[in-house]
Amino acid sequence: MIAKLLQAGYHVDVYDIDPAAAKDVLENGARWHDAPRDAARDCGIVITCLPLPQDVFDNMTGEQGALAGMPPGSVWIDTSTTDYHNTIEIGRRAAAIGVDSLEAPVSNLSHMGVDFANVSFFVGGPKEAYVRCETVLQIMGAISFHVGDIGQGQSVKLLTNLLFYAAAVASGHALCRSVREVIPVQQAWRKFVGSSANSVAIEQFVPFLLDGSYDRSCTLEITVKDMGLTVQLADELHVGLPIGRAVEKRYSEAGRKFDRYDSHLRVVELAEVVFGVRLQVPGYRAPSKYGADPSHPPDQEFLTDPVGRIKPKREHVFPPDDVQLSGIQIRLLESLVGELTHVNRLILDEAFDLGRGMGLSDALIHDVITWSVGASAWSDSHAQQYGNEQLVDRVGDIAPPLTTLPHLICP
């Protein structure tokens, strides 16, 4: 995102706890500073993108914090996924010195879309400040939405993450069941990708299960934090969220079992242990530098899907281990497609419950889901249900009332 700003002619001052992280942007014209305060001094717009709420607070406040260097009339944009109460407190301190605040959590539109500015921003805060910064956001990403006050941006991001995390857990469990029944995992994966069960999680993230890397682009502590914040939000809004709470328990369990800096898809290893299988395909490498092959070159070719979203064109080369499936195996895969599709339906309903609890319209909730990492074949195929700009009452829920948790969430 910094590279895009530099290419557009902006002067960018940077700080990071790890100076080595700035190497590429410094070589392209960014200017290094030794403290957030110094990087923010005299800037019209200050942008933070940090792992945890405490990191945001520490970098914005105190003698060395960015607020100490920001002039009146400037704008702070936080693109982190954080606790909106944290943002409100920092925003209160910013307002006292004449600085406007925007929360703008970022969602990838494809795996590591930040690498080529293929991201969306969900912006909460003063509309006037958003208008002033909209051009900068559009340069850093593909699309942005002003969703309301501070708090609503984070809530929208959490509900889109909820969709992704549920799909990641469910698809991992479905693959484990397939492998236990001696179905080559790549055959099962291709079946899911080409079906109504498909989602961003299945299509673009499952390959990192198949190469054993569990996706090095994101740490487990991030996902544990996100799901904890989602349950906290549900409690505030008095939303039941049964599947979401079960998914949060899975991530919490993974957080206790594995190192917090381990890969986020390590949560699926919990299912691998339960089913007594390994999803890794010997000899396969996901076509990404965030997989088992860090030397893989950057994405060069891209595709546009029917919705208009851009994603990398990737070739997956598996060992020739496909087999002729038996009737029982074929029926199992068809059953798993149905179960995965049903999970996508159920969790979409929970996401809408969260969004409505924040007072967002169905149309806006659908738009942000469509342009997020939480999109699925099911959410895409039901766009016509959410065309009204006002909050609408649907005739019945997307899915029938939940009486038991899906087996793919809690095996």
Foldseek 3Di string as FASTA:
>chain_A
DLVLCVVVPDAAEDEDPDVVVCVVVVVSHHHYDHFLCVRLAPDQEAEAEDQELVVQLVQQDDPRHNLVRHAANHEYEYQYLYQLVSVVVSQVVSVVRRYFYKYWHKFALAVPNQVVQAIETEIAGDPVVCVVCVVVNVSSHPYYDDFYHRPLRSLLVLLLVLLLLLLLLLVLLLLLVLVLVVAQSVVLLVLLCPAQLFASNSPHQCVLQQAPQLFLPDFLLRSLNSLVSNVVLCVVLVAPCPLSVLSNVLSVVQPVVDPRRGHNSCSSVVSCVVSVHGNYAPPWWFQDCRHPNVPRDDADAWDADPVGRIYGDGDTDGDPPHDDDDPVSVVSSVVSSVLSSQSSQVSVLSSVVSSVSVVGALLVSLVSSNSHSSDGSNSVVPNVQRPDRHHDDDPDGSHHDDDDHRVSSPD
